[in-house]
Amino acid sequence: LESLGQNELASRLTLNCQNSYVEPHKIKDVAVTIVDVFDQSALSLEAKEEMYKLYPNARRAHLKTGGNFPYLCRSAEVNLYIQIHLRQFHGTRYSAIDPSM
């Protein structure tokens, strides 16, 4: 956490606190990866199970620890899971990389 700048830390905290909902039926054909932690977090076990039911085809990325802010305390692992998730879009119009690269 000490290595993060104020703007980066603020943006990560803001992202975590956004109250939003994606209707599962609208993204049934979109690849989804759920990042979850095995240690204690604010999300109840019932809420996690409901999320898994709503996104049955989602890949699951598990972290041993991370609590409520896994991307802050386990950023390298979270970034790796994001890179793995984004690989499937390489060479498509959804690619996160400029096609000329």
PDB file of N, CA and C in Angstrom:
ATOM      1  N   LEU A   1       0.812  -1.205   0.000  1.00  0.00           N
ATOM      2  CA  LEU A   1       0.000   0.000   0.000  1.00  0.00           C
ATOM      3  C   LEU A   1       0.848   1.259   0.000  1.00  0.00           C
ATOM      4  N   GLU A   2       2.011   1.167   0.662  1.00  0.00           N
ATOM      5  CA  GLU A   2       2.859   2.345   0.767  1.00  0.00           C
ATOM      6  C   GLU A   2       3.384   2.806  -0.583  1.00  0.00           C
ATOM      7  N   SER A   3       3.453   1.896  -1.546  1.00  0.00           N
ATOM      8  CA  SER A   3       3.999   2.245  -2.855  1.00  0.00           C
ATOM      9  C   SER A   3       2.973   2.905  -3.773  1.00  0.00           C
ATOM     10  N   LEU A   4       1.703   2.897  -3.393  1.00  0.00           N
ATOM     11  CA  LEU A   4       0.666   3.502  -4.230  1.00  0.00           C
ATOM     12  C   LEU A   4       0.608   5.006  -4.023  1.00  0.00           C
ATOM     13  N   GLY A   5       0.433   5.713  -5.118  1.00  0.00           N
ATOM     14  CA  GLY A   5       0.246   7.152  -5.035  1.00  0.00           C
ATOM     15  C   GLY A   5      -1.168   7.469  -4.565  1.00  0.00           C
ATOM     16  N   GLN A   6      -1.377   8.702  -4.165  1.00  0.00           N
ATOM     17  CA  GLN A   6      -2.685   9.110  -3.645  1.00  0.00           C
ATOM     18  C   GLN A   6      -3.786   8.925  -4.687  1.00  0.00           C
ATOM     19  N   ASN A   7      -3.526   9.321  -5.933  1.00  0.00           N
ATOM     20  CA  ASN A   7      -4.549   9.192  -6.980  1.00  0.00           C
ATOM     21  C   ASN A   7      -4.897   7.736  -7.255  1.00  0.00           C
ATOM     22  N   GLU A   8      -3.878   6.875  -7.310  1.00  0.00           N
ATOM     23  CA  GLU A   8      -4.130   5.455  -7.575  1.00  0.00           C
ATOM     24  C   GLU A   8      -4.907   4.815  -6.429  1.00  0.00           C
ATOM     25  N   LEU A   9      -4.526   5.121  -5.206  1.00  0.00           N
ATOM     26  CA  LEU A   9      -5.234   4.584  -4.046  1.00  0.00           C
ATOM     27  C   LEU A   9      -6.683   5.064  -4.028  1.00  0.00           C
ATOM     28  N   ALA A  10      -6.888   6.355  -4.291  1.00  0.00           N
ATOM     29  CA  ALA A  10      -8.246   6.911  -4.303  1.00  0.00           C
ATOM     30  C   ALA A  10      -9.095   6.262  -5.392  1.00  0.00           C
ATOM     31  N   SER A  11      -8.517   6.035  -6.572  1.00  0.00           N
ATOM     32  CA  SER A  11      -9.299   5.430  -7.657  1.00  0.00           C
ATOM     33  C   SER A  11      -9.664   3.987  -7.337  1.00  0.00           C
ATOM     34  N   ARG A  12      -8.760   3.248  -6.700  1.00  0.00           N
ATOM     35  CA  ARG A  12      -9.059   1.861  -6.334  1.00  0.00           C
ATOM     36  C   ARG A  12     -10.137   1.795  -5.257  1.00  0.00           C
ATOM     37  N   LEU A  13     -10.058   2.685  -4.292  1.00  0.00           N
ATOM     38  CA  LEU A  13     -11.083   2.705  -3.246  1.00  0.00           C
ATOM     39  C   LEU A  13     -12.438   3.120  -3.815  1.00  0.00           C
ATOM     40  N   THR A  14     -12.440   4.083  -4.716  1.00  0.00           N
ATOM     41  CA  THR A  14     -13.689   4.520  -5.349  1.00  0.00           C
ATOM     42  C   THR A  14     -14.319   3.377  -6.126  1.00  0.00           C
ATOM     43  N   LEU A  15     -13.514   2.653  -6.887  1.00  0.00           N
ATOM     44  CA  LEU A  15     -14.019   1.514  -7.658  1.00  0.00           C
ATOM     45  C   LEU A  15     -14.644   0.476  -6.742  1.00  0.00           C
ATOM     46  N   ASN A  16     -14.018   0.222  -5.619  1.00  0.00           N
ATOM     47  CA  ASN A  16     -14.528  -0.775  -4.676  1.00  0.00           C
ATOM     48  C   ASN A  16     -15.853  -0.348  -4.054  1.00  0.00           C
ATOM     49  N   CYS A  17     -16.073   0.953  -3.925  1.00  0.00           N
ATOM     50  CA  CYS A  17     -17.263   1.452  -3.226  1.00  0.00           C
ATOM     51  C   CYS A  17     -18.421   1.778  -4.162  1.00  0.00           C
ATOM     52  N   GLN A  18     -18.251   1.559  -5.458  1.00  0.00           N
ATOM     53  CA  GLN A  18     -19.324   1.844  -6.400  1.00  0.00           C
ATOM     54  C   GLN A  18     -20.480   0.878  -6.187  1.00  0.00           C
ATOM     55  N   ASN A  19     -21.665   1.416  -6.102  1.00  0.00           N
ATOM     56  CA  ASN A  19     -22.863   0.596  -5.973  1.00  0.00           C
ATOM     57  C   ASN A  19     -23.423   0.390  -7.378  1.00  0.00           C
ATOM     58  N   SER A  20     -23.198  -0.785  -7.924  1.00  0.00           N
ATOM     59  CA  SER A  20     -23.668  -1.047  -9.281  1.00  0.00           C
ATOM     60  C   SER A  20     -24.108  -2.501  -9.398  1.00  0.00           C
ATOM     61  N   TYR A  21     -24.858  -2.774 -10.443  1.00  0.00           N
ATOM     62  CA  TYR A  21     -25.391  -4.114 -10.655  1.00  0.00           C
ATOM     63  C   TYR A  21     -25.421  -4.391 -12.149  1.00  0.00           C
ATOM     64  N   VAL A  22     -24.935  -5.539 -12.531  1.00  0.00           N
ATOM     65  CA  VAL A  22     -24.973  -5.967 -13.923  1.00  0.00           C
ATOM     66  C   VAL A  22     -26.003  -7.074 -14.018  1.00  0.00           C
ATOM     67  N   GLU A  23     -26.986  -6.897 -14.878  1.00  0.00           N
ATOM     68  CA  GLU A  23     -28.023  -7.907 -15.044  1.00  0.00           C
ATOM     69  C   GLU A  23     -27.420  -9.113 -15.774  1.00  0.00           C
ATOM     70  N   PRO A  24     -27.364 -10.258 -15.104  1.00  0.00           N
ATOM     71  CA  PRO A  24     -26.679 -11.429 -15.672  1.00  0.00           C
ATOM     72  C   PRO A  24     -27.183 -11.853 -17.050  1.00  0.00           C
ATOM     73  N   HIS A  25     -28.466 -11.744 -17.303  1.00  0.00           N
ATOM     74  CA  HIS A  25     -28.987 -12.194 -18.595  1.00  0.00           C
ATOM     75  C   HIS A  25     -28.489 -11.329 -19.749  1.00  0.00           C
ATOM     76  N   LYS A  26     -28.039 -10.099 -19.453  1.00  0.00           N
ATOM     77  CA  LYS A  26     -27.544  -9.220 -20.514  1.00  0.00           C
ATOM     78  C   LYS A  26     -26.098  -9.516 -20.887  1.00  0.00           C
ATOM     79  N   ILE A  27     -25.412 -10.281 -20.061  1.00  0.00           N
ATOM     80  CA  ILE A  27     -24.011 -10.585 -20.359  1.00  0.00           C
ATOM     81  C   ILE A  27     -23.756 -12.090 -20.386  1.00  0.00           C
ATOM     82  N   LYS A  28     -24.772 -12.848 -20.714  1.00  0.00           N
ATOM     83  CA  LYS A  28     -24.628 -14.308 -20.677  1.00  0.00           C
ATOM     84  C   LYS A  28     -23.558 -14.819 -21.629  1.00  0.00           C
ATOM     85  N   ASP A  29     -23.262 -14.078 -22.692  1.00  0.00           N
ATOM     86  CA  ASP A  29     -22.252 -14.516 -23.656  1.00  0.00           C
ATOM     87  C   ASP A  29     -20.911 -13.808 -23.469  1.00  0.00           C
ATOM     88  N   VAL A  30     -20.777 -13.069 -22.383  1.00  0.00           N
ATOM     89  CA  VAL A  30     -19.548 -12.336 -22.098  1.00  0.00           C
ATOM     90  C   VAL A  30     -18.729 -13.113 -21.070  1.00  0.00           C
ATOM     91  N   ALA A  31     -17.438 -13.185 -21.302  1.00  0.00           N
ATOM     92  CA  ALA A  31     -16.555 -13.879 -20.356  1.00  0.00           C
ATOM     93  C   ALA A  31     -16.475 -13.093 -19.051  1.00  0.00           C
ATOM     94  N   VAL A  32     -16.667 -13.784 -17.936  1.00  0.00           N
ATOM     95  CA  VAL A  32     -16.635 -13.164 -16.611  1.00  0.00           C
ATOM     96  C   VAL A  32     -15.651 -13.939 -15.738  1.00  0.00           C
ATOM     97  N   THR A  33     -14.841 -13.203 -14.998  1.00  0.00           N
ATOM     98  CA  THR A  33     -13.965 -13.806 -13.995  1.00  0.00           C
ATOM     99  C   THR A  33     -14.298 -13.179 -12.653  1.00  0.00           C
ATOM    100  N   ILE A  34     -14.593 -14.008 -11.677  1.00  0.00           N
ATOM    101  CA  ILE A  34     -14.903 -13.538 -10.325  1.00  0.00           C
ATOM    102  C   ILE A  34     -13.662 -13.732  -9.466  1.00  0.00           C
ATOM    103  N   VAL A  35     -13.171 -12.641  -8.877  1.00  0.00           N
ATOM    104  CA  VAL A  35     -12.031 -12.715  -7.966  1.00  0.00           C
ATOM    105  C   VAL A  35     -12.586 -12.829  -6.557  1.00  0.00           C
ATOM    106  N   ASP A  36     -12.187 -13.877  -5.860  1.00  0.00           N
ATOM    107  CA  ASP A  36     -12.709 -14.139  -4.518  1.00  0.00           C
ATOM    108  C   ASP A  36     -11.557 -14.439  -3.574  1.00  0.00           C
ATOM    109  N   VAL A  37     -11.791 -14.192  -2.297  1.00  0.00           N
ATOM    110  CA  VAL A  37     -10.780 -14.463  -1.271  1.00  0.00           C
ATOM    111  C   VAL A  37     -11.296 -15.538  -0.324  1.00  0.00           C
ATOM    112  N   PHE A  38     -10.358 -16.307   0.224  1.00  0.00           N
ATOM    113  CA  PHE A  38     -10.729 -17.352   1.173  1.00  0.00           C
ATOM    114  C   PHE A  38     -10.826 -16.833   2.599  1.00  0.00           C
ATOM    115  N   ASP A  39     -10.204 -15.688   2.870  1.00  0.00           N
ATOM    116  CA  ASP A  39     -10.281 -15.171   4.233  1.00  0.00           C
ATOM    117  C   ASP A  39     -11.544 -14.330   4.407  1.00  0.00           C
ATOM    118  N   GLN A  40     -11.673 -13.706   5.535  1.00  0.00           N
ATOM    119  CA  GLN A  40     -12.895 -12.972   5.872  1.00  0.00           C
ATOM    120  C   GLN A  40     -13.029 -11.700   5.037  1.00  0.00           C
ATOM    121  N   SER A  41     -14.251 -11.446   4.567  1.00  0.00           N
ATOM    122  CA  SER A  41     -14.552 -10.217   3.836  1.00  0.00           C
ATOM    123  C   SER A  41     -15.970  -9.794   4.182  1.00  0.00           C
ATOM    124  N   ALA A  42     -16.332  -8.601   3.743  1.00  0.00           N
ATOM    125  CA  ALA A  42     -17.658  -8.071   4.057  1.00  0.00           C
ATOM    126  C   ALA A  42     -18.765  -8.814   3.314  1.00  0.00           C
ATOM    127  N   LEU A  43     -18.417  -9.498   2.236  1.00  0.00           N
ATOM    128  CA  LEU A  43     -19.404 -10.233   1.447  1.00  0.00           C
ATOM    129  C   LEU A  43     -19.720 -11.553   2.144  1.00  0.00           C
ATOM    130  N   SER A  44     -20.970 -11.751   2.466  1.00  0.00           N
ATOM    131  CA  SER A  44     -21.371 -12.969   3.178  1.00  0.00           C
ATOM    132  C   SER A  44     -21.262 -14.189   2.268  1.00  0.00           C
ATOM    133  N   LEU A  45     -21.186 -15.355   2.863  1.00  0.00           N
ATOM    134  CA  LEU A  45     -21.130 -16.599   2.101  1.00  0.00           C
ATOM    135  C   LEU A  45     -22.380 -16.751   1.237  1.00  0.00           C
ATOM    136  N   GLU A  46     -23.531 -16.339   1.768  1.00  0.00           N
ATOM    137  CA  GLU A  46     -24.780 -16.418   1.002  1.00  0.00           C
ATOM    138  C   GLU A  46     -24.715 -15.524  -0.232  1.00  0.00           C
ATOM    139  N   ALA A  47     -24.160 -14.323  -0.083  1.00  0.00           N
ATOM    140  CA  ALA A  47     -24.042 -13.406  -1.221  1.00  0.00           C
ATOM    141  C   ALA A  47     -23.099 -13.978  -2.278  1.00  0.00           C
ATOM    142  N   LYS A  48     -21.999 -14.580  -1.830  1.00  0.00           N
ATOM    143  CA  LYS A  48     -21.065 -15.199  -2.775  1.00  0.00           C
ATOM    144  C   LYS A  48     -21.736 -16.341  -3.534  1.00  0.00           C
ATOM    145  N   GLU A  49     -22.470 -17.175  -2.820  1.00  0.00           N
ATOM    146  CA  GLU A  49     -23.149 -18.298  -3.467  1.00  0.00           C
ATOM    147  C   GLU A  49     -24.186 -17.813  -4.473  1.00  0.00           C
ATOM    148  N   GLU A  50     -24.881 -16.741  -4.136  1.00  0.00           N
ATOM    149  CA  GLU A  50     -25.864 -16.161  -5.063  1.00  0.00           C
ATOM    150  C   GLU A  50     -25.168 -15.628  -6.313  1.00  0.00           C
ATOM    151  N   MET A  51     -24.024 -14.985  -6.124  1.00  0.00           N
ATOM    152  CA  MET A  51     -23.264 -14.465  -7.263  1.00  0.00           C
ATOM    153  C   MET A  51     -22.810 -15.612  -8.166  1.00  0.00           C
ATOM    154  N   TYR A  52     -22.354 -16.706  -7.570  1.00  0.00           N
ATOM    155  CA  TYR A  52     -21.940 -17.860  -8.366  1.00  0.00           C
ATOM    156  C   TYR A  52     -23.117 -18.437  -9.148  1.00  0.00           C
ATOM    157  N   LYS A  53     -24.313 -18.408  -8.570  1.00  0.00           N
ATOM    158  CA  LYS A  53     -25.507 -18.892  -9.274  1.00  0.00           C
ATOM    159  C   LYS A  53     -25.871 -17.970 -10.435  1.00  0.00           C
ATOM    160  N   LEU A  54     -25.716 -16.657 -10.235  1.00  0.00           N
ATOM    161  CA  LEU A  54     -26.054 -15.694 -11.280  1.00  0.00           C
ATOM    162  C   LEU A  54     -25.078 -15.751 -12.453  1.00  0.00           C
ATOM    163  N   TYR A  55     -23.844 -16.128 -12.176  1.00  0.00           N
ATOM    164  CA  TYR A  55     -22.815 -16.209 -13.212  1.00  0.00           C
ATOM    165  C   TYR A  55     -22.228 -17.626 -13.221  1.00  0.00           C
ATOM    166  N   PRO A  56     -23.022 -18.611 -13.631  1.00  0.00           N
ATOM    167  CA  PRO A  56     -22.580 -20.013 -13.537  1.00  0.00           C
ATOM    168  C   PRO A  56     -21.387 -20.347 -14.431  1.00  0.00           C
ATOM    169  N   ASN A  57     -21.186 -19.606 -15.499  1.00  0.00           N
ATOM    170  CA  ASN A  57     -20.079 -19.894 -16.413  1.00  0.00           C
ATOM    171  C   ASN A  57     -18.835 -19.067 -16.121  1.00  0.00           C
ATOM    172  N   ALA A  58     -18.880 -18.294 -15.053  1.00  0.00           N
ATOM    173  CA  ALA A  58     -17.745 -17.427 -14.722  1.00  0.00           C
ATOM    174  C   ALA A  58     -16.552 -18.244 -14.253  1.00  0.00           C
ATOM    175  N   ARG A  59     -15.388 -17.787 -14.645  1.00  0.00           N
ATOM    176  CA  ARG A  59     -14.159 -18.360 -14.095  1.00  0.00           C
ATOM    177  C   ARG A  59     -14.001 -17.810 -12.688  1.00  0.00           C
ATOM    178  N   ARG A  60     -13.371 -18.581 -11.843  1.00  0.00           N
ATOM    179  CA  ARG A  60     -13.152 -18.131 -10.468  1.00  0.00           C
ATOM    180  C   ARG A  60     -11.661 -18.009 -10.205  1.00  0.00           C
ATOM    181  N   ALA A  61     -11.284 -16.841  -9.727  1.00  0.00           N
ATOM    182  CA  ALA A  61      -9.897 -16.576  -9.360  1.00  0.00           C
ATOM    183  C   ALA A  61      -9.858 -16.453  -7.843  1.00  0.00           C
ATOM    184  N   HIS A  62      -9.237 -17.420  -7.181  1.00  0.00           N
ATOM    185  CA  HIS A  62      -9.231 -17.447  -5.720  1.00  0.00           C
ATOM    186  C   HIS A  62      -7.893 -16.973  -5.161  1.00  0.00           C
ATOM    187  N   LEU A  63      -7.983 -16.181  -4.117  1.00  0.00           N
ATOM    188  CA  LEU A  63      -6.810 -15.723  -3.380  1.00  0.00           C
ATOM    189  C   LEU A  63      -6.925 -16.221  -1.952  1.00  0.00           C
ATOM    190  N   LYS A  64      -5.814 -16.655  -1.366  1.00  0.00           N
ATOM    191  CA  LYS A  64      -5.856 -17.137   0.015  1.00  0.00           C
ATOM    192  C   LYS A  64      -6.247 -16.022   0.969  1.00  0.00           C
ATOM    193  N   THR A  65      -5.709 -14.837   0.733  1.00  0.00           N
ATOM    194  CA  THR A  65      -6.016 -13.686   1.583  1.00  0.00           C
ATOM    195  C   THR A  65      -6.288 -12.487   0.697  1.00  0.00           C
ATOM    196  N   GLY A  66      -6.814 -11.442   1.293  1.00  0.00           N
ATOM    197  CA  GLY A  66      -7.092 -10.226   0.536  1.00  0.00           C
ATOM    198  C   GLY A  66      -8.194  -9.404   1.149  1.00  0.00           C
ATOM    199  N   GLY A  67      -9.039 -10.048   1.952  1.00  0.00           N
ATOM    200  CA  GLY A  67     -10.110  -9.316   2.629  1.00  0.00           C
ATOM    201  C   GLY A  67     -11.005  -8.571   1.665  1.00  0.00           C
ATOM    202  N   ASN A  68     -11.396  -7.372   2.055  1.00  0.00           N
ATOM    203  CA  ASN A  68     -12.292  -6.552   1.239  1.00  0.00           C
ATOM    204  C   ASN A  68     -11.579  -5.836   0.099  1.00  0.00           C
ATOM    205  N   PHE A  69     -10.263  -5.752   0.174  1.00  0.00           N
ATOM    206  CA  PHE A  69      -9.506  -5.001  -0.826  1.00  0.00           C
ATOM    207  C   PHE A  69      -8.360  -5.843  -1.391  1.00  0.00           C
ATOM    208  N   PRO A  70      -8.661  -6.957  -2.042  1.00  0.00           N
ATOM    209  CA  PRO A  70      -7.581  -7.822  -2.529  1.00  0.00           C
ATOM    210  C   PRO A  70      -6.675  -7.131  -3.544  1.00  0.00           C
ATOM    211  N   TYR A  71      -7.204  -6.187  -4.315  1.00  0.00           N
ATOM    212  CA  TYR A  71      -6.383  -5.516  -5.313  1.00  0.00           C
ATOM    213  C   TYR A  71      -5.436  -4.512  -4.679  1.00  0.00           C
ATOM    214  N   LEU A  72      -5.620  -4.220  -3.392  1.00  0.00           N
ATOM    215  CA  LEU A  72      -4.675  -3.347  -2.694  1.00  0.00           C
ATOM    216  C   LEU A  72      -3.557  -4.157  -2.047  1.00  0.00           C
ATOM    217  N   CYS A  73      -3.920  -5.221  -1.335  1.00  0.00           N
ATOM    218  CA  CYS A  73      -2.896  -5.969  -0.598  1.00  0.00           C
ATOM    219  C   CYS A  73      -2.336  -7.151  -1.378  1.00  0.00           C
ATOM    220  N   ARG A  74      -2.977  -7.571  -2.445  1.00  0.00           N
ATOM    221  CA  ARG A  74      -2.493  -8.687  -3.275  1.00  0.00           C
ATOM    222  C   ARG A  74      -2.489  -8.260  -4.741  1.00  0.00           C
ATOM    223  N   SER A  75      -2.031  -7.033  -5.004  1.00  0.00           N
ATOM    224  CA  SER A  75      -2.154  -6.452  -6.343  1.00  0.00           C
ATOM    225  C   SER A  75      -1.459  -7.275  -7.426  1.00  0.00           C
ATOM    226  N   ALA A  76      -0.310  -7.854  -7.136  1.00  0.00           N
ATOM    227  CA  ALA A  76       0.392  -8.639  -8.158  1.00  0.00           C
ATOM    228  C   ALA A  76      -0.439  -9.845  -8.589  1.00  0.00           C
ATOM    229  N   GLU A  77      -1.060 -10.519  -7.630  1.00  0.00           N
ATOM    230  CA  GLU A  77      -1.883 -11.689  -7.959  1.00  0.00           C
ATOM    231  C   GLU A  77      -3.152 -11.281  -8.701  1.00  0.00           C
ATOM    232  N   VAL A  78      -3.780 -10.197  -8.260  1.00  0.00           N
ATOM    233  CA  VAL A  78      -4.990  -9.716  -8.935  1.00  0.00           C
ATOM    234  C   VAL A  78      -4.648  -9.304 -10.362  1.00  0.00           C
ATOM    235  N   ASN A  79      -3.528  -8.599 -10.547  1.00  0.00           N
ATOM    236  CA  ASN A  79      -3.113  -8.204 -11.892  1.00  0.00           C
ATOM    237  C   ASN A  79      -2.868  -9.417 -12.779  1.00  0.00           C
ATOM    238  N   LEU A  80      -2.298 -10.470 -12.223  1.00  0.00           N
ATOM    239  CA  LEU A  80      -2.072 -11.695 -12.991  1.00  0.00           C
ATOM    240  C   LEU A  80      -3.402 -12.298 -13.442  1.00  0.00           C
ATOM    241  N   TYR A  81      -4.375 -12.364 -12.548  1.00  0.00           N
ATOM    242  CA  TYR A  81      -5.696 -12.886 -12.916  1.00  0.00           C
ATOM    243  C   TYR A  81      -6.357 -12.020 -13.989  1.00  0.00           C
ATOM    244  N   ILE A  82      -6.178 -10.714 -13.898  1.00  0.00           N
ATOM    245  CA  ILE A  82      -6.746  -9.817 -14.916  1.00  0.00           C
ATOM    246  C   ILE A  82      -6.072 -10.063 -16.261  1.00  0.00           C
ATOM    247  N   GLN A  83      -4.749 -10.209 -16.265  1.00  0.00           N
ATOM    248  CA  GLN A  83      -4.038 -10.485 -17.512  1.00  0.00           C
ATOM    249  C   GLN A  83      -4.502 -11.803 -18.133  1.00  0.00           C
ATOM    250  N   ILE A  84      -4.659 -12.814 -17.306  1.00  0.00           N
ATOM    251  CA  ILE A  84      -5.143 -14.108 -17.801  1.00  0.00           C
ATOM    252  C   ILE A  84      -6.541 -13.956 -18.392  1.00  0.00           C
ATOM    253  N   HIS A  85      -7.404 -13.212 -17.706  1.00  0.00           N
ATOM    254  CA  HIS A  85      -8.769 -12.994 -18.197  1.00  0.00           C
ATOM    255  C   HIS A  85      -8.752 -12.266 -19.541  1.00  0.00           C
ATOM    256  N   LEU A  86      -7.895 -11.256 -19.672  1.00  0.00           N
ATOM    257  CA  LEU A  86      -7.879 -10.439 -20.886  1.00  0.00           C
ATOM    258  C   LEU A  86      -7.229 -11.136 -22.079  1.00  0.00           C
ATOM    259  N   ARG A  87      -6.438 -12.171 -21.849  1.00  0.00           N
ATOM    260  CA  ARG A  87      -5.780 -12.886 -22.959  1.00  0.00           C
ATOM    261  C   ARG A  87      -6.770 -13.398 -23.990  1.00  0.00           C
ATOM    262  N   GLN A  88      -7.918 -13.818 -23.547  1.00  0.00           N
ATOM    263  CA  GLN A  88      -8.899 -14.380 -24.484  1.00  0.00           C
ATOM    264  C   GLN A  88      -9.418 -13.355 -25.489  1.00  0.00           C
ATOM    265  N   PHE A  89      -9.195 -12.072 -25.209  1.00  0.00           N
ATOM    266  CA  PHE A  89      -9.660 -11.018 -26.102  1.00  0.00           C
ATOM    267  C   PHE A  89      -8.566 -10.513 -27.034  1.00  0.00           C
ATOM    268  N   HIS A  90      -7.344 -11.012 -26.857  1.00  0.00           N
ATOM    269  CA  HIS A  90      -6.225 -10.559 -27.688  1.00  0.00           C
ATOM    270  C   HIS A  90      -6.526 -10.844 -29.160  1.00  0.00           C
ATOM    271  N   GLY A  91      -6.318  -9.838 -29.975  1.00  0.00           N
ATOM    272  CA  GLY A  91      -6.569  -9.986 -31.402  1.00  0.00           C
ATOM    273  C   GLY A  91      -8.016  -9.778 -31.803  1.00  0.00           C
ATOM    274  N   THR A  92      -8.868  -9.433 -30.853  1.00  0.00           N
ATOM    275  CA  THR A  92     -10.270  -9.149 -31.167  1.00  0.00           C
ATOM    276  C   THR A  92     -10.525  -7.654 -30.990  1.00  0.00           C
ATOM    277  N   ARG A  93     -11.702  -7.223 -31.343  1.00  0.00           N
ATOM    278  CA  ARG A  93     -12.035  -5.805 -31.180  1.00  0.00           C
ATOM    279  C   ARG A  93     -12.150  -5.416 -29.709  1.00  0.00           C
ATOM    280  N   TYR A  94     -12.194  -6.391 -28.826  1.00  0.00           N
ATOM    281  CA  TYR A  94     -12.288  -6.128 -27.393  1.00  0.00           C
ATOM    282  C   TYR A  94     -10.921  -6.117 -26.711  1.00  0.00           C
ATOM    283  N   SER A  95      -9.876  -6.272 -27.479  1.00  0.00           N
ATOM    284  CA  SER A  95      -8.536  -6.362 -26.922  1.00  0.00           C
ATOM    285  C   SER A  95      -8.165  -5.104 -26.139  1.00  0.00           C
ATOM    286  N   ALA A  96      -7.458  -5.317 -25.031  1.00  0.00           N
ATOM    287  CA  ALA A  96      -6.987  -4.193 -24.218  1.00  0.00           C
ATOM    288  C   ALA A  96      -5.667  -3.649 -24.751  1.00  0.00           C
ATOM    289  N   ILE A  97      -5.113  -4.308 -25.770  1.00  0.00           N
ATOM    290  CA  ILE A  97      -3.838  -3.902 -26.354  1.00  0.00           C
ATOM    291  C   ILE A  97      -4.088  -3.335 -27.740  1.00  0.00           C
ATOM    292  N   ASP A  98      -3.373  -2.292 -28.071  1.00  0.00           N
ATOM    293  CA  ASP A  98      -3.454  -1.688 -29.395  1.00  0.00           C
ATOM    294  C   ASP A  98      -3.104  -2.752 -30.438  1.00  0.00           C
ATOM    295  N   PRO A  99      -3.949  -2.952 -31.458  1.00  0.00           N
ATOM    296  CA  PRO A  99      -3.708  -3.998 -32.462  1.00  0.00           C
ATOM    297  C   PRO A  99      -2.372  -3.850 -33.190  1.00  0.00           C
ATOM    298  N   SER A 100      -1.824  -2.644 -33.243  1.00  0.00           N
ATOM    299  CA  SER A 100      -0.553  -2.439 -33.940  1.00  0.00           C
ATOM    300  C   SER A 100       0.641  -2.919 -33.122  1.00  0.00           C
ATOM    301  N   MET A 101       0.406  -3.318 -31.868  1.00  0.00           N
ATOM    302  CA  MET A 101       1.513  -3.772 -31.009  1.00  0.00           C
ATOM    303  C   MET A 101       1.744  -5.257 -31.187  1.00  0.00           C
TER     304      MET A 101
END
